[in-house]
Amino acid sequence: MSFFGDLPEPVDDRAEILRARPQRYPGVPTDWIRAVTLPWSRTLGEGAEVLVALDRVRCWPDGVSLDIDVFAKHAIVDVRRMGGLWGHSHGVPRSPGELLLGIRYADGQRVSTVDELPPGTDRLRMSAYGGSGSPFHFRYEFYMSPLPPEGPVSIVVRWLDKDLPETVTDLDGAAIREAAANAVEVWPDLPPA
């Protein structure tokens, strides 16, 4: 007898959805790749009433994702304004005092939450692809592509409304590239798209 008892046989009334391996991964390839996570948890910036931290770095074959945590001592009533990191996607206009995030690669490429890049651009791009939280804590998930070159990857944060000055934290681009080379395609036997 199974631990779960006698369960009825499931009825599969869904049509089979066929998958194919994409030629290129548009955005974060969470459906296709098991990323390598670097445990680089650190404070990115701190004010009297807020703290911005890097929780983890996930390395993919074509890019890198950062999980950024924002902690607030007092409730931030309008979570959409908890930084403006989502930019215009929530219809909230930007102000210089909002939380701003930027990335600079060792070769001089840079991108920030202030930039508006057209789709399909070949230069460094960053997109917010997830997030959740409360008025006291919010997690943002960002994806940058392409992978950084060797050398420092600078994360720049600033939140003037919360007395958090512009602060720069460097990560190791070579370590990110090495980890990305070890990311695993989950279904390599799928036919190409």
N, C-alpha and C. Protein backbone atom coordinates (compact mmCIF):
# COMPACT_ATOMS: atom_id res chain seq x y z
N MET A 1 0.84 -1.18 0.00
CA MET A 1 0.00 0.00 0.00
C MET A 1 0.89 1.24 0.00
N SER A 2 0.51 2.18 -0.80
CA SER A 2 1.26 3.42 -0.91
C SER A 2 1.03 4.31 0.30
N PHE A 3 1.99 5.09 0.62
CA PHE A 3 1.87 6.09 1.68
C PHE A 3 0.67 7.00 1.42
N PHE A 4 0.39 7.28 0.14
CA PHE A 4 -0.68 8.21 -0.23
C PHE A 4 -2.02 7.52 -0.43
N GLY A 5 -2.09 6.22 -0.16
CA GLY A 5 -3.36 5.51 -0.30
C GLY A 5 -3.70 5.22 -1.75
N ASP A 6 -4.90 4.73 -1.97
CA ASP A 6 -5.35 4.43 -3.32
C ASP A 6 -5.97 5.68 -3.94
N LEU A 7 -5.24 6.29 -4.85
CA LEU A 7 -5.73 7.48 -5.52
C LEU A 7 -6.31 7.09 -6.87
N PRO A 8 -7.33 7.80 -7.32
CA PRO A 8 -7.88 7.47 -8.64
C PRO A 8 -6.88 7.80 -9.73
N GLU A 9 -6.95 7.06 -10.81
CA GLU A 9 -6.10 7.34 -11.96
C GLU A 9 -6.46 8.70 -12.54
N PRO A 10 -5.45 9.52 -12.85
CA PRO A 10 -5.76 10.84 -13.41
C PRO A 10 -6.30 10.72 -14.83
N VAL A 11 -7.19 11.62 -15.17
CA VAL A 11 -7.72 11.69 -16.52
C VAL A 11 -6.98 12.82 -17.22
N ASP A 12 -6.31 12.50 -18.32
CA ASP A 12 -5.56 13.51 -19.06
C ASP A 12 -6.42 13.99 -20.21
N ASP A 13 -7.05 15.13 -20.03
CA ASP A 13 -7.90 15.68 -21.08
C ASP A 13 -7.24 16.87 -21.76
N ARG A 14 -5.95 17.04 -21.51
CA ARG A 14 -5.22 18.13 -22.16
C ARG A 14 -4.58 17.61 -23.45
N ALA A 15 -4.49 18.48 -24.41
CA ALA A 15 -3.75 18.14 -25.61
C ALA A 15 -2.27 18.16 -25.27
N GLU A 16 -1.51 17.29 -25.88
CA GLU A 16 -0.07 17.27 -25.63
C GLU A 16 0.57 18.52 -26.20
N ILE A 17 1.35 19.16 -25.38
CA ILE A 17 2.07 20.35 -25.83
C ILE A 17 3.49 19.90 -26.16
N LEU A 18 3.85 20.04 -27.40
CA LEU A 18 5.18 19.63 -27.83
C LEU A 18 6.17 20.76 -27.60
N ARG A 19 7.32 20.37 -27.15
CA ARG A 19 8.37 21.35 -26.90
C ARG A 19 9.46 21.18 -27.93
N ALA A 20 10.10 22.26 -28.23
CA ALA A 20 11.27 22.23 -29.10
C ALA A 20 12.33 23.11 -28.47
N ARG A 21 13.58 22.75 -28.71
CA ARG A 21 14.68 23.53 -28.17
C ARG A 21 14.82 24.82 -28.96
N PRO A 22 14.79 25.97 -28.28
CA PRO A 22 14.90 27.23 -29.01
C PRO A 22 16.31 27.41 -29.57
N GLN A 23 16.42 28.13 -30.67
CA GLN A 23 17.74 28.42 -31.25
C GLN A 23 18.50 29.38 -30.35
N ARG A 24 17.80 30.29 -29.74
CA ARG A 24 18.37 31.29 -28.85
C ARG A 24 17.38 31.46 -27.71
N TYR A 25 17.89 31.74 -26.54
CA TYR A 25 17.01 31.88 -25.39
C TYR A 25 16.57 33.33 -25.25
N PRO A 26 15.31 33.62 -25.54
CA PRO A 26 14.83 34.99 -25.38
C PRO A 26 14.54 35.26 -23.90
N GLY A 27 15.34 36.08 -23.27
CA GLY A 27 15.13 36.35 -21.85
C GLY A 27 15.69 35.24 -20.99
N VAL A 28 15.20 35.14 -19.79
CA VAL A 28 15.70 34.16 -18.83
C VAL A 28 15.25 32.77 -19.24
N PRO A 29 16.18 31.84 -19.48
CA PRO A 29 15.81 30.52 -19.98
C PRO A 29 15.43 29.53 -18.89
N THR A 30 14.53 29.92 -17.99
CA THR A 30 14.18 29.06 -16.85
C THR A 30 13.52 27.75 -17.28
N ASP A 31 12.89 27.70 -18.45
CA ASP A 31 12.24 26.47 -18.90
C ASP A 31 13.22 25.48 -19.49
N TRP A 32 14.44 25.91 -19.79
CA TRP A 32 15.36 25.08 -20.56
C TRP A 32 16.68 24.80 -19.86
N ILE A 33 17.06 25.66 -18.95
CA ILE A 33 18.41 25.62 -18.39
C ILE A 33 18.35 25.56 -16.86
N ARG A 34 19.22 24.74 -16.28
CA ARG A 34 19.41 24.77 -14.83
C ARG A 34 20.65 25.63 -14.59
N ALA A 35 20.43 26.81 -14.05
CA ALA A 35 21.50 27.78 -13.85
C ALA A 35 22.44 27.35 -12.73
N VAL A 36 23.61 27.96 -12.72
CA VAL A 36 24.55 27.79 -11.61
C VAL A 36 24.41 29.04 -10.74
N THR A 37 24.20 28.83 -9.45
CA THR A 37 24.00 29.93 -8.51
C THR A 37 25.28 30.22 -7.75
N LEU A 38 25.65 31.48 -7.74
CA LEU A 38 26.80 31.93 -6.96
C LEU A 38 26.26 32.56 -5.67
N PRO A 39 26.73 32.12 -4.52
CA PRO A 39 26.20 32.61 -3.23
C PRO A 39 26.84 33.92 -2.81
N TRP A 40 26.60 34.95 -3.58
CA TRP A 40 27.24 36.24 -3.33
C TRP A 40 26.28 37.20 -2.65
N SER A 41 25.78 36.83 -1.52
CA SER A 41 24.86 37.68 -0.77
C SER A 41 25.66 38.81 -0.12
N ARG A 42 25.25 40.06 -0.41
CA ARG A 42 25.95 41.21 0.18
C ARG A 42 25.09 42.46 0.13
N THR A 43 25.39 43.39 0.99
CA THR A 43 24.70 44.68 1.00
C THR A 43 25.21 45.51 -0.16
N LEU A 44 24.27 46.09 -0.92
CA LEU A 44 24.61 46.95 -2.05
C LEU A 44 24.55 48.42 -1.66
N GLY A 45 23.70 48.76 -0.72
CA GLY A 45 23.56 50.13 -0.28
C GLY A 45 22.66 50.18 0.94
N GLU A 46 22.88 51.21 1.77
CA GLU A 46 22.13 51.29 3.02
C GLU A 46 21.89 52.74 3.39
N GLY A 47 20.66 53.03 3.76
CA GLY A 47 20.30 54.33 4.30
C GLY A 47 19.79 54.13 5.72
N ALA A 48 19.35 55.19 6.36
CA ALA A 48 18.87 55.08 7.74
C ALA A 48 17.62 54.20 7.84
N GLU A 49 16.81 54.16 6.77
CA GLU A 49 15.55 53.43 6.83
C GLU A 49 15.38 52.38 5.75
N VAL A 50 16.40 52.17 4.91
CA VAL A 50 16.31 51.16 3.85
C VAL A 50 17.64 50.43 3.71
N LEU A 51 17.56 49.22 3.21
CA LEU A 51 18.75 48.44 2.89
C LEU A 51 18.48 47.74 1.56
N VAL A 52 19.42 47.83 0.64
CA VAL A 52 19.32 47.16 -0.66
C VAL A 52 20.43 46.11 -0.69
N ALA A 53 20.06 44.86 -0.97
CA ALA A 53 21.02 43.76 -0.89
C ALA A 53 20.92 42.86 -2.11
N LEU A 54 22.04 42.28 -2.46
CA LEU A 54 22.09 41.24 -3.47
C LEU A 54 21.92 39.93 -2.74
N ASP A 55 20.92 39.13 -3.15
CA ASP A 55 20.69 37.85 -2.49
C ASP A 55 21.42 36.72 -3.20
N ARG A 56 21.33 36.70 -4.53
CA ARG A 56 22.02 35.64 -5.27
C ARG A 56 22.25 36.06 -6.70
N VAL A 57 23.18 35.36 -7.32
CA VAL A 57 23.53 35.56 -8.72
C VAL A 57 23.35 34.22 -9.40
N ARG A 58 22.53 34.19 -10.46
CA ARG A 58 22.35 32.95 -11.23
C ARG A 58 22.96 33.14 -12.61
N CYS A 59 23.74 32.16 -13.01
CA CYS A 59 24.50 32.26 -14.26
C CYS A 59 23.92 31.30 -15.30
N TRP A 60 23.61 31.85 -16.46
CA TRP A 60 22.99 31.14 -17.57
C TRP A 60 23.96 31.17 -18.75
N PRO A 61 23.76 30.36 -19.78
CA PRO A 61 24.70 30.35 -20.90
C PRO A 61 24.86 31.70 -21.59
N ASP A 62 23.78 32.51 -21.64
CA ASP A 62 23.82 33.77 -22.38
C ASP A 62 23.68 35.01 -21.51
N GLY A 63 23.60 34.85 -20.18
CA GLY A 63 23.38 36.01 -19.35
C GLY A 63 23.49 35.68 -17.87
N VAL A 64 23.14 36.66 -17.07
CA VAL A 64 23.25 36.51 -15.61
C VAL A 64 22.03 37.18 -14.98
N SER A 65 21.50 36.58 -13.93
CA SER A 65 20.38 37.20 -13.23
C SER A 65 20.77 37.51 -11.79
N LEU A 66 20.21 38.60 -11.31
CA LEU A 66 20.48 39.07 -9.96
C LEU A 66 19.16 39.15 -9.20
N ASP A 67 19.14 38.64 -8.00
CA ASP A 67 18.00 38.82 -7.11
C ASP A 67 18.37 39.91 -6.12
N ILE A 68 17.62 41.02 -6.19
CA ILE A 68 17.89 42.20 -5.38
C ILE A 68 16.77 42.34 -4.35
N ASP A 69 17.15 42.41 -3.08
CA ASP A 69 16.19 42.58 -1.99
C ASP A 69 16.21 44.02 -1.51
N VAL A 70 15.03 44.58 -1.29
CA VAL A 70 14.88 45.92 -0.73
C VAL A 70 14.14 45.77 0.60
N PHE A 71 14.78 46.21 1.67
CA PHE A 71 14.19 46.16 3.00
C PHE A 71 13.90 47.58 3.47
N ALA A 72 12.73 47.79 4.07
CA ALA A 72 12.34 49.11 4.56
C ALA A 72 12.00 49.02 6.04
N LYS A 73 12.50 49.98 6.81
CA LYS A 73 12.21 50.04 8.24
C LYS A 73 10.75 50.40 8.47
N HIS A 74 10.24 51.33 7.65
CA HIS A 74 8.85 51.75 7.73
C HIS A 74 8.17 51.38 6.43
N ALA A 75 6.90 51.09 6.51
CA ALA A 75 6.16 50.63 5.33
C ALA A 75 6.24 51.64 4.19
N ILE A 76 6.50 51.11 3.02
CA ILE A 76 6.41 51.92 1.81
C ILE A 76 5.05 51.59 1.23
N VAL A 77 4.13 52.55 1.33
CA VAL A 77 2.73 52.29 1.02
C VAL A 77 2.54 51.91 -0.44
N ASP A 78 3.15 52.65 -1.35
CA ASP A 78 3.01 52.35 -2.77
C ASP A 78 4.22 51.53 -3.19
N VAL A 79 4.07 50.19 -3.19
CA VAL A 79 5.18 49.30 -3.50
C VAL A 79 5.72 49.56 -4.90
N ARG A 80 4.88 50.07 -5.80
CA ARG A 80 5.37 50.39 -7.14
C ARG A 80 6.45 51.46 -7.07
N ARG A 81 6.41 52.28 -6.04
CA ARG A 81 7.42 53.32 -5.87
C ARG A 81 8.60 52.82 -5.05
N MET A 82 8.56 51.55 -4.65
CA MET A 82 9.69 51.01 -3.90
C MET A 82 10.86 50.92 -4.86
N GLY A 83 11.17 52.02 -5.39
CA GLY A 83 12.35 52.08 -6.20
C GLY A 83 12.11 52.50 -7.61
N GLY A 84 10.99 52.24 -8.20
CA GLY A 84 10.87 52.52 -9.62
C GLY A 84 11.72 51.57 -10.43
N LEU A 85 12.19 50.47 -9.82
CA LEU A 85 13.01 49.53 -10.56
C LEU A 85 12.24 48.90 -11.71
N TRP A 86 10.92 48.88 -11.59
CA TRP A 86 10.12 48.35 -12.69
C TRP A 86 9.98 49.39 -13.79
N GLY A 87 10.36 50.62 -13.49
CA GLY A 87 10.32 51.66 -14.52
C GLY A 87 8.91 51.95 -14.97
N HIS A 88 8.74 52.13 -16.26
CA HIS A 88 7.47 52.55 -16.82
C HIS A 88 6.46 51.42 -16.95
N SER A 89 6.88 50.18 -16.68
CA SER A 89 5.95 49.07 -16.86
C SER A 89 4.75 49.17 -15.94
N HIS A 90 4.87 49.86 -14.83
CA HIS A 90 3.74 50.04 -13.92
C HIS A 90 3.07 51.39 -14.10
N GLY A 91 3.51 52.15 -15.08
CA GLY A 91 2.89 53.44 -15.35
C GLY A 91 3.23 54.51 -14.34
N VAL A 92 4.26 54.29 -13.54
CA VAL A 92 4.64 55.26 -12.53
C VAL A 92 5.83 56.05 -13.08
N PRO A 93 5.70 57.37 -13.18
CA PRO A 93 6.82 58.14 -13.71
C PRO A 93 8.03 58.09 -12.79
N ARG A 94 9.20 58.20 -13.36
CA ARG A 94 10.44 58.19 -12.60
C ARG A 94 10.74 59.56 -12.02
N SER A 95 11.44 59.55 -10.89
CA SER A 95 11.98 60.79 -10.35
C SER A 95 13.41 60.50 -9.93
N PRO A 96 14.27 61.53 -9.87
CA PRO A 96 15.66 61.30 -9.48
C PRO A 96 15.82 60.72 -8.09
N GLY A 97 14.80 60.87 -7.24
CA GLY A 97 14.90 60.40 -5.88
C GLY A 97 14.56 58.93 -5.68
N GLU A 98 14.05 58.26 -6.70
CA GLU A 98 13.68 56.85 -6.57
C GLU A 98 14.90 55.95 -6.55
N LEU A 99 14.67 54.70 -6.15
CA LEU A 99 15.75 53.72 -6.17
C LEU A 99 16.13 53.44 -7.61
N LEU A 100 17.40 53.61 -7.92
CA LEU A 100 17.93 53.37 -9.26
C LEU A 100 18.97 52.28 -9.17
N LEU A 101 19.02 51.44 -10.20
CA LEU A 101 19.97 50.34 -10.28
C LEU A 101 20.67 50.41 -11.62
N GLY A 102 21.98 50.22 -11.60
CA GLY A 102 22.75 50.21 -12.83
C GLY A 102 23.80 49.11 -12.80
N ILE A 103 24.18 48.65 -13.99
CA ILE A 103 25.20 47.62 -14.15
C ILE A 103 26.24 48.15 -15.13
N ARG A 104 27.53 47.97 -14.79
CA ARG A 104 28.60 48.36 -15.70
C ARG A 104 29.57 47.18 -15.82
N TYR A 105 29.83 46.77 -17.09
CA TYR A 105 30.79 45.71 -17.34
C TYR A 105 32.19 46.29 -17.49
N ALA A 106 33.21 45.46 -17.38
CA ALA A 106 34.61 45.89 -17.46
C ALA A 106 34.95 46.51 -18.81
N ASP A 107 34.22 46.13 -19.86
CA ASP A 107 34.51 46.68 -21.20
C ASP A 107 33.81 48.02 -21.44
N GLY A 108 33.16 48.56 -20.40
CA GLY A 108 32.52 49.86 -20.52
C GLY A 108 31.03 49.81 -20.84
N GLN A 109 30.49 48.65 -21.22
CA GLN A 109 29.04 48.57 -21.45
C GLN A 109 28.33 48.85 -20.13
N ARG A 110 27.20 49.55 -20.23
CA ARG A 110 26.43 49.87 -19.04
C ARG A 110 24.96 49.90 -19.37
N VAL A 111 24.15 49.64 -18.36
CA VAL A 111 22.70 49.69 -18.50
C VAL A 111 22.13 50.03 -17.13
N SER A 112 20.95 50.66 -17.12
CA SER A 112 20.34 50.98 -15.84
C SER A 112 18.82 50.92 -15.96
N THR A 113 18.17 51.04 -14.83
CA THR A 113 16.72 51.05 -14.81
C THR A 113 16.16 52.34 -15.40
N VAL A 114 17.01 53.29 -15.70
CA VAL A 114 16.59 54.53 -16.33
C VAL A 114 16.57 54.38 -17.85
N ASP A 115 17.37 53.45 -18.37
CA ASP A 115 17.48 53.26 -19.83
C ASP A 115 16.21 52.68 -20.43
N GLU A 116 15.93 53.08 -21.64
CA GLU A 116 14.84 52.51 -22.42
C GLU A 116 15.46 51.96 -23.69
N LEU A 117 15.71 50.65 -23.72
CA LEU A 117 16.34 50.03 -24.88
C LEU A 117 15.29 49.46 -25.81
N PRO A 118 15.47 49.65 -27.10
CA PRO A 118 14.55 49.02 -28.03
C PRO A 118 14.75 47.51 -28.02
N PRO A 119 13.69 46.74 -28.27
CA PRO A 119 13.83 45.29 -28.29
C PRO A 119 14.82 44.86 -29.37
N GLY A 120 15.54 43.78 -29.08
CA GLY A 120 16.44 43.23 -30.07
C GLY A 120 17.79 43.91 -30.15
N THR A 121 18.08 44.85 -29.27
CA THR A 121 19.37 45.53 -29.30
C THR A 121 20.49 44.54 -28.97
N ASP A 122 21.65 44.75 -29.56
CA ASP A 122 22.77 43.84 -29.34
C ASP A 122 23.63 44.24 -28.14
N ARG A 123 23.41 45.40 -27.60
CA ARG A 123 24.22 45.85 -26.47
C ARG A 123 23.68 45.27 -25.17
N LEU A 124 24.41 45.49 -24.10
CA LEU A 124 24.00 45.02 -22.78
C LEU A 124 22.58 45.50 -22.49
N ARG A 125 21.75 44.58 -22.08
CA ARG A 125 20.37 44.94 -21.73
C ARG A 125 20.02 44.29 -20.40
N MET A 126 19.08 44.90 -19.72
CA MET A 126 18.63 44.43 -18.41
C MET A 126 17.12 44.47 -18.40
N SER A 127 16.51 43.41 -17.88
CA SER A 127 15.06 43.40 -17.77
C SER A 127 14.65 42.84 -16.41
N ALA A 128 13.60 43.41 -15.84
CA ALA A 128 13.02 42.87 -14.62
C ALA A 128 12.05 41.77 -15.05
N TYR A 129 12.22 40.59 -14.49
CA TYR A 129 11.36 39.47 -14.90
C TYR A 129 10.57 38.86 -13.75
N GLY A 130 10.69 39.41 -12.59
CA GLY A 130 9.91 38.87 -11.49
C GLY A 130 10.10 39.71 -10.25
N GLY A 131 9.26 39.46 -9.29
CA GLY A 131 9.38 40.16 -8.03
C GLY A 131 8.17 39.90 -7.16
N SER A 132 8.38 40.06 -5.88
CA SER A 132 7.27 39.88 -4.93
C SER A 132 7.68 40.51 -3.61
N GLY A 133 6.70 40.70 -2.75
CA GLY A 133 7.05 41.23 -1.45
C GLY A 133 5.89 41.88 -0.73
N SER A 134 6.27 42.78 0.16
CA SER A 134 5.32 43.47 1.03
C SER A 134 5.78 44.91 1.15
N PRO A 135 5.07 45.74 1.90
CA PRO A 135 5.53 47.12 2.08
C PRO A 135 6.85 47.24 2.84
N PHE A 136 7.34 46.16 3.48
CA PHE A 136 8.58 46.20 4.24
C PHE A 136 9.73 45.47 3.54
N HIS A 137 9.42 44.66 2.57
CA HIS A 137 10.46 43.91 1.85
C HIS A 137 9.95 43.60 0.45
N PHE A 138 10.82 43.81 -0.51
CA PHE A 138 10.46 43.46 -1.89
C PHE A 138 11.68 42.86 -2.56
N ARG A 139 11.46 41.79 -3.33
CA ARG A 139 12.53 41.17 -4.11
C ARG A 139 12.29 41.44 -5.59
N TYR A 140 13.31 41.96 -6.23
CA TYR A 140 13.30 42.18 -7.68
C TYR A 140 14.23 41.15 -8.31
N GLU A 141 13.83 40.64 -9.46
CA GLU A 141 14.67 39.71 -10.21
C GLU A 141 15.00 40.36 -11.55
N PHE A 142 16.30 40.51 -11.82
CA PHE A 142 16.77 41.14 -13.04
C PHE A 142 17.62 40.18 -13.85
N TYR A 143 17.52 40.29 -15.16
CA TYR A 143 18.32 39.48 -16.08
C TYR A 143 19.11 40.39 -16.99
N MET A 144 20.42 40.15 -17.06
CA MET A 144 21.29 40.91 -17.96
C MET A 144 21.86 39.97 -19.00
N SER A 145 21.92 40.47 -20.21
CA SER A 145 22.49 39.71 -21.31
C SER A 145 23.18 40.69 -22.23
N PRO A 146 24.32 40.35 -22.80
CA PRO A 146 25.05 39.08 -22.74
C PRO A 146 25.82 38.93 -21.43
N LEU A 147 26.55 37.80 -21.32
CA LEU A 147 27.41 37.58 -20.17
C LEU A 147 28.47 38.68 -20.10
N PRO A 148 28.93 39.00 -18.92
CA PRO A 148 29.98 40.02 -18.81
C PRO A 148 31.32 39.47 -19.28
N PRO A 149 32.22 40.35 -19.71
CA PRO A 149 33.59 39.92 -19.97
C PRO A 149 34.30 39.69 -18.64
N GLU A 150 35.52 39.18 -18.70
CA GLU A 150 36.31 39.08 -17.47
C GLU A 150 36.56 40.48 -16.93
N GLY A 151 36.73 40.58 -15.65
CA GLY A 151 36.94 41.87 -15.01
C GLY A 151 35.77 42.19 -14.11
N PRO A 152 35.78 43.36 -13.50
CA PRO A 152 34.70 43.69 -12.55
C PRO A 152 33.36 43.94 -13.23
N VAL A 153 32.32 43.48 -12.58
CA VAL A 153 30.93 43.80 -12.93
C VAL A 153 30.44 44.69 -11.79
N SER A 154 30.20 45.95 -12.09
CA SER A 154 29.81 46.91 -11.05
C SER A 154 28.30 47.02 -10.97
N ILE A 155 27.78 46.88 -9.76
CA ILE A 155 26.37 47.11 -9.48
C ILE A 155 26.30 48.46 -8.77
N VAL A 156 25.52 49.38 -9.34
CA VAL A 156 25.42 50.73 -8.79
C VAL A 156 23.98 50.95 -8.32
N VAL A 157 23.82 51.37 -7.08
CA VAL A 157 22.49 51.69 -6.55
C VAL A 157 22.49 53.10 -5.98
N ARG A 158 21.31 53.74 -6.03
CA ARG A 158 21.12 55.07 -5.45
C ARG A 158 19.64 55.24 -5.14
N TRP A 159 19.34 55.81 -3.98
CA TRP A 159 17.95 56.09 -3.60
C TRP A 159 17.96 57.36 -2.77
N LEU A 160 17.98 58.49 -3.43
CA LEU A 160 18.12 59.78 -2.76
C LEU A 160 16.97 60.08 -1.81
N ASP A 161 15.74 59.67 -2.16
CA ASP A 161 14.60 59.91 -1.27
C ASP A 161 14.75 59.19 0.07
N LYS A 162 15.59 58.17 0.12
CA LYS A 162 15.78 57.40 1.35
C LYS A 162 17.20 57.57 1.90
N ASP A 163 17.88 58.66 1.50
CA ASP A 163 19.23 58.96 1.98
C ASP A 163 20.23 57.84 1.74
N LEU A 164 20.06 57.16 0.61
CA LEU A 164 21.02 56.14 0.20
C LEU A 164 21.83 56.72 -0.96
N PRO A 165 23.09 57.08 -0.72
CA PRO A 165 23.89 57.70 -1.78
C PRO A 165 24.28 56.68 -2.83
N GLU A 166 24.80 57.16 -3.96
CA GLU A 166 25.25 56.26 -5.01
C GLU A 166 26.37 55.38 -4.46
N THR A 167 26.18 54.08 -4.58
CA THR A 167 27.10 53.09 -4.02
C THR A 167 27.44 52.07 -5.10
N VAL A 168 28.70 51.68 -5.19
CA VAL A 168 29.16 50.73 -6.20
C VAL A 168 29.68 49.47 -5.52
N THR A 169 29.23 48.31 -5.99
CA THR A 169 29.69 47.01 -5.51
C THR A 169 30.18 46.23 -6.71
N ASP A 170 31.38 45.68 -6.64
CA ASP A 170 31.94 44.93 -7.75
C ASP A 170 31.82 43.42 -7.54
N LEU A 171 31.46 42.73 -8.62
CA LEU A 171 31.45 41.27 -8.67
C LEU A 171 32.52 40.84 -9.66
N ASP A 172 32.88 39.56 -9.66
CA ASP A 172 33.93 39.02 -10.51
C ASP A 172 33.34 38.46 -11.80
N GLY A 173 33.57 39.18 -12.92
CA GLY A 173 33.05 38.75 -14.21
C GLY A 173 33.59 37.40 -14.66
N ALA A 174 34.86 37.10 -14.36
CA ALA A 174 35.44 35.81 -14.75
C ALA A 174 34.73 34.66 -14.03
N ALA A 175 34.41 34.85 -12.74
CA ALA A 175 33.71 33.81 -11.98
C ALA A 175 32.30 33.60 -12.53
N ILE A 176 31.64 34.69 -12.96
CA ILE A 176 30.31 34.57 -13.55
C ILE A 176 30.39 33.77 -14.85
N ARG A 177 31.38 34.07 -15.69
CA ARG A 177 31.55 33.34 -16.96
C ARG A 177 31.84 31.85 -16.71
N GLU A 178 32.68 31.58 -15.73
CA GLU A 178 33.01 30.19 -15.41
C GLU A 178 31.77 29.43 -14.94
N ALA A 179 30.98 30.06 -14.08
CA ALA A 179 29.76 29.42 -13.60
C ALA A 179 28.77 29.21 -14.75
N ALA A 180 28.64 30.21 -15.63
CA ALA A 180 27.72 30.10 -16.76
C ALA A 180 28.10 28.94 -17.68
N ALA A 181 29.38 28.66 -17.80
CA ALA A 181 29.83 27.55 -18.65
C ALA A 181 29.39 26.20 -18.08
N ASN A 182 29.02 26.18 -16.80
CA ASN A 182 28.57 24.94 -16.15
C ASN A 182 27.06 24.84 -16.03
N ALA A 183 26.32 25.81 -16.56
CA ALA A 183 24.86 25.71 -16.57
C ALA A 183 24.48 24.52 -17.46
N VAL A 184 23.40 23.86 -17.13
CA VAL A 184 23.04 22.61 -17.80
C VAL A 184 21.73 22.77 -18.56
N GLU A 185 21.73 22.38 -19.84
CA GLU A 185 20.49 22.33 -20.60
C GLU A 185 19.71 21.10 -20.11
N VAL A 186 18.49 21.30 -19.68
CA VAL A 186 17.70 20.24 -19.06
C VAL A 186 17.26 19.18 -20.07
N TRP A 187 16.83 19.59 -21.25
CA TRP A 187 16.32 18.65 -22.25
C TRP A 187 17.13 18.76 -23.56
N PRO A 188 18.39 18.34 -23.57
CA PRO A 188 19.20 18.49 -24.77
C PRO A 188 18.74 17.64 -25.95
N ASP A 189 17.90 16.65 -25.69
CA ASP A 189 17.45 15.76 -26.76
C ASP A 189 16.21 16.26 -27.50
N LEU A 190 15.69 17.43 -27.12
CA LEU A 190 14.52 17.96 -27.82
C LEU A 190 14.92 18.38 -29.24
N PRO A 191 14.02 18.25 -30.18
CA PRO A 191 14.34 18.71 -31.54
C PRO A 191 14.45 20.23 -31.57
N PRO A 192 15.27 20.77 -32.49
CA PRO A 192 15.36 22.23 -32.58
C PRO A 192 14.07 22.85 -33.08
N ALA A 193 13.83 24.08 -32.68
CA ALA A 193 12.62 24.80 -33.10
C ALA A 193 12.71 25.17 -34.57
